Protein backbone atom coordinates (compact mmCIF):
# COMPACT_ATOMS: atom_id res chain seq x y z
CA ARG A 1 8.65 -73.17 48.08
CA ARG A 2 10.64 -70.44 45.56
CA ASN A 3 13.63 -72.35 45.53
CA ARG A 4 12.41 -75.19 44.01
CA PRO A 5 15.06 -78.17 42.24
CA SER A 6 14.66 -77.91 38.59
CA ASP A 7 14.23 -81.61 38.79
CA ALA A 8 11.05 -81.00 41.08
CA PRO A 9 8.19 -82.75 39.99
CA VAL A 10 5.57 -80.89 38.16
CA LEU A 11 2.69 -79.86 40.47
CA GLU A 12 -0.83 -79.63 38.59
CA GLY A 13 -4.10 -77.76 40.40
CA LYS A 14 -6.64 -74.92 40.51
CA LEU A 15 -6.10 -71.44 41.39
CA ASN A 16 -8.27 -70.94 44.04
CA TRP A 17 -10.00 -67.49 43.63
CA MET A 18 -11.35 -69.54 39.83
CA ASP A 19 -12.74 -73.40 39.75
CA ASP A 20 -11.98 -73.02 35.50
CA VAL A 21 -8.53 -71.84 35.77
CA SER A 22 -5.95 -74.55 36.27
CA PHE A 23 -2.25 -74.25 36.09
CA SER A 24 0.99 -76.69 35.81
CA LEU A 25 4.29 -75.83 37.98
CA SER A 26 7.83 -77.14 36.82
CA GLY A 27 10.66 -77.08 39.12
CA ASP A 28 12.41 -74.71 37.08
CA GLY A 29 9.77 -72.23 37.52
CA VAL A 30 7.65 -72.02 34.22
CA CYS A 31 3.47 -71.78 35.25
CA VAL A 32 1.28 -72.72 32.01
CA VAL A 33 -2.03 -71.13 33.38
CA SER A 34 -5.15 -72.13 31.14
CA GLY A 35 -9.31 -72.37 31.84
CA ASP A 36 -11.60 -69.13 32.16
CA LEU A 37 -9.12 -66.00 32.88
CA SER A 38 -11.74 -63.35 31.29
CA GLU A 39 -13.84 -62.57 35.16
CA ASN A 40 -12.31 -59.07 36.06
CA HIS A 41 -11.82 -58.51 39.62
CA ASP A 42 -10.34 -55.88 41.78
CA SER A 43 -7.07 -55.17 43.20
CA SER A 44 -7.66 -56.90 46.06
CA ILE A 45 -7.82 -60.35 44.97
CA TRP A 46 -4.69 -61.05 46.09
CA SER A 47 -4.68 -59.30 49.66
CA GLY A 48 -2.56 -61.33 52.42
CA CYS A 49 -0.67 -63.41 49.79
CA ASP A 50 3.32 -63.07 50.08
CA LEU A 51 3.25 -62.80 45.85
CA THR A 52 7.43 -62.12 46.11
CA LYS A 53 8.08 -66.39 47.14
CA LEU A 54 5.74 -66.66 44.41
CA PRO A 55 8.41 -69.47 42.32
CA VAL A 56 7.17 -68.83 38.99
CA LYS A 57 9.96 -67.54 36.69
CA HIS A 58 8.04 -67.56 33.26
CA LEU A 59 4.43 -67.62 32.98
CA VAL A 60 2.72 -69.12 29.98
CA ILE A 61 -0.90 -68.51 29.13
CA ALA A 62 -2.00 -71.64 27.25
CA GLU A 63 -3.88 -71.61 23.68
CA GLY A 64 -7.41 -71.48 24.09
CA VAL A 65 -7.77 -68.67 26.83
CA THR A 66 -9.52 -65.42 25.05
CA GLU A 67 -9.56 -63.13 27.24
CA ILE A 68 -7.57 -62.00 30.74
CA GLY A 69 -9.75 -60.04 33.13
CA ASP A 70 -8.94 -57.07 35.48
CA TYR A 71 -6.09 -57.54 38.09
CA THR A 72 -5.81 -61.26 37.20
CA PHE A 73 -1.64 -61.32 37.97
CA TYR A 74 -1.35 -58.23 39.55
CA GLU A 75 1.90 -57.78 41.48
CA TRP A 76 3.35 -61.24 40.79
CA ARG A 77 6.39 -60.00 40.84
CA PRO A 78 8.75 -62.90 40.81
CA ILE A 79 7.96 -63.14 37.22
CA GLU A 80 10.34 -62.33 34.10
CA GLU A 81 9.35 -64.25 31.32
CA LEU A 82 5.33 -63.85 30.09
CA THR A 83 4.11 -65.38 27.24
CA LEU A 84 0.76 -65.07 25.88
CA PRO A 85 -1.46 -67.33 23.31
CA SER A 86 -2.53 -67.16 19.76
CA THR A 87 -6.50 -67.18 20.93
CA LEU A 88 -5.97 -64.20 23.20
CA ILE A 89 -8.30 -61.42 21.81
CA ARG A 90 -7.88 -58.75 25.28
CA ILE A 91 -6.27 -58.52 28.51
CA GLY A 92 -7.84 -56.11 30.28
CA CYS A 93 -7.15 -53.10 33.18
CA ASP A 94 -4.22 -53.75 35.14
CA THR A 95 -3.68 -57.35 34.39
CA PHE A 96 0.17 -57.59 34.88
CA GLU A 97 0.51 -54.17 36.91
CA ARG A 98 3.44 -54.20 39.50
CA CYS A 99 4.77 -57.65 37.82
CA MET A 100 8.03 -55.49 37.72
CA ASN A 101 10.39 -57.74 36.69
CA ILE A 102 9.54 -59.05 33.40
CA LYS A 103 11.72 -59.12 30.81
CA GLN A 104 10.66 -60.05 28.46
CA ILE A 105 6.50 -60.50 27.02
CA HIS A 106 6.58 -62.79 23.91
CA PHE A 107 2.64 -61.20 22.25
CA SER A 108 1.42 -63.31 19.58
CA GLU A 109 -0.56 -62.34 16.74
CA GLY A 110 -4.65 -62.27 17.39
CA LEU A 111 -4.33 -60.31 20.11
CA GLN A 112 -6.86 -56.50 19.36
CA GLU A 113 -6.91 -54.95 23.13
CA ILE A 114 -4.84 -54.62 25.91
CA GLY A 115 -6.15 -51.92 28.79
CA SER A 116 -5.46 -49.24 30.83
CA ASP A 117 -2.18 -50.27 33.04
CA ALA A 118 -1.93 -53.49 31.93
CA PHE A 119 1.95 -53.89 32.01
CA GLY A 120 4.14 -51.01 34.13
CA SER A 121 7.55 -50.52 35.17
CA CYS A 122 8.71 -53.50 33.37
CA PRO A 123 12.24 -53.77 31.92
CA VAL A 124 11.62 -54.24 28.66
CA ASP A 125 13.80 -53.25 25.93
CA LYS A 126 12.24 -54.77 23.01
CA LEU A 127 8.58 -54.35 22.13
CA ASP A 128 6.74 -56.47 19.48
CA LEU A 129 3.35 -55.60 19.42
CA PRO A 130 1.16 -57.51 16.98
CA LYS A 131 0.19 -56.69 13.92
CA THR A 132 -3.97 -57.20 14.55
CA LEU A 133 -3.90 -54.55 17.92
CA THR A 134 -6.31 -51.79 17.30
CA LYS A 135 -6.06 -50.30 20.76
CA ILE A 136 -3.83 -49.62 23.66
CA GLY A 137 -4.91 -48.34 27.15
CA ALA A 138 -3.92 -45.75 29.25
CA TYR A 139 -0.32 -46.13 31.52
CA THR A 140 -0.15 -49.32 29.37
CA PHE A 141 3.38 -49.52 28.94
CA SER A 142 4.34 -46.74 31.17
CA GLY A 143 7.74 -46.69 32.91
CA PHE A 144 9.02 -49.03 30.51
CA LYS A 145 12.64 -47.72 31.09
CA GLN A 146 14.99 -50.09 28.69
CA LEU A 147 12.80 -49.49 25.91
CA VAL A 148 14.94 -47.68 23.32
CA GLU A 149 12.69 -47.96 20.24
CA LEU A 150 9.17 -48.24 19.41
CA ASP A 151 7.58 -49.36 16.07
CA LEU A 152 3.88 -49.26 16.38
CA PRO A 153 1.78 -51.60 13.97
CA ASP A 154 -0.75 -49.55 11.72
CA SER A 155 -3.53 -51.52 13.13
CA ILE A 156 -3.54 -49.12 16.12
CA VAL A 157 -6.26 -46.57 15.93
CA SER A 158 -6.43 -45.86 19.65
CA ILE A 159 -3.59 -45.18 21.69
CA GLY A 160 -4.05 -43.83 25.81
CA THR A 161 -3.15 -41.12 27.57
CA ARG A 162 0.19 -41.39 28.66
CA ALA A 163 0.56 -44.83 27.43
CA PHE A 164 4.79 -44.81 27.11
CA TYR A 165 4.72 -42.10 29.90
CA ASP A 166 8.54 -42.33 31.25
CA CYS A 167 9.52 -44.53 28.80
CA SER A 168 13.25 -42.59 29.89
CA SER A 169 15.74 -44.42 27.12
CA LEU A 170 12.99 -43.78 24.66
CA ARG A 171 14.84 -42.32 21.30
CA SER A 172 12.87 -43.56 18.24
CA VAL A 173 9.08 -44.12 17.54
CA LYS A 174 7.30 -44.75 14.78
CA LEU A 175 3.25 -43.78 15.44
CA PRO A 176 0.74 -46.19 13.25
CA ALA A 177 -0.79 -44.82 9.61
CA ARG A 178 -4.17 -45.43 11.23
CA LEU A 179 -3.74 -43.59 13.91
CA LYS A 180 -5.64 -40.28 14.10
CA VAL A 181 -5.19 -38.37 17.73
CA ILE A 182 -2.06 -38.25 20.04
CA SER A 183 -3.33 -38.07 23.17
CA GLU A 184 -2.25 -36.26 26.50
CA SER A 185 0.96 -36.90 27.61
CA LEU A 186 1.89 -39.26 25.60
CA PHE A 187 5.14 -39.76 25.93
CA SER A 188 5.60 -37.13 28.66
CA GLN A 189 8.95 -37.02 30.66
CA CYS A 190 10.82 -39.65 27.81
CA LYS A 191 13.39 -37.08 28.07
CA ALA A 192 16.00 -39.25 25.21
CA LEU A 193 13.36 -39.18 22.49
CA GLU A 194 15.02 -37.38 19.44
CA GLN A 195 12.48 -38.51 15.98
CA VAL A 196 8.95 -39.36 16.15
CA GLN A 197 7.69 -40.36 12.94
CA MET A 198 4.28 -39.09 11.97
CA PRO A 199 1.20 -40.50 10.03
CA GLU A 200 0.16 -38.61 7.52
C-alpha cells in the first residue's frame, strides 16, 4: 500500500523479475535495493503494474552495485529522492526515465558513464555531478525545468545530443575543460540561458 504508517515493519524480499536483486522497504518509504542490477531490459518490464501506487519515496541503491541496466526503474514515479552508491560505475539507458517526481539525486564519486535518457523531466534544481564522470548520453537530463545553474566537471569528455534539452530555467553553464565537441541541440529550448563558459 502506498500510505503505510511510518512505524510499519520493514519489508524484505526479492524483485520478482530478477532473482539476484533484493530490497528492504521501511514504513516511511525508504527502499534499499541491492544485488546484480546490471541486466538490460526494455520498456515492457513493468507492463501491467500500477507504479503510481508504489510506496517508495526515497530509493537507495546499495553499496556494491556497479552498474544499473537499461529501464531498471522505468516509471517509478512516486520516487522523490534517489541515492546512488560510491561503487556505481555506469547507469544504463532509460534507467530512471519517467521518474518525474525525483527532486534530489545524490551522486557519488566513482560514476563514469550515464546512458541516454537515463533521467528526464525531473524537478531537480541542483545537479552535482561527480568528478569521475566522463560520458553523458543523449537526452540524459532533458526537461530539468527547475535547474538554474550548471557547472560540469572537467572529467567529462563526451556529452550526447540534446542532453540538456528544454532545461527552461537554466541561466548559466560552465562546460568541461576536456570537452572537444558541443553536440547538436545540446541546449535547445533553454530559453533563459544567459551565459556559457567555453573551454579553451
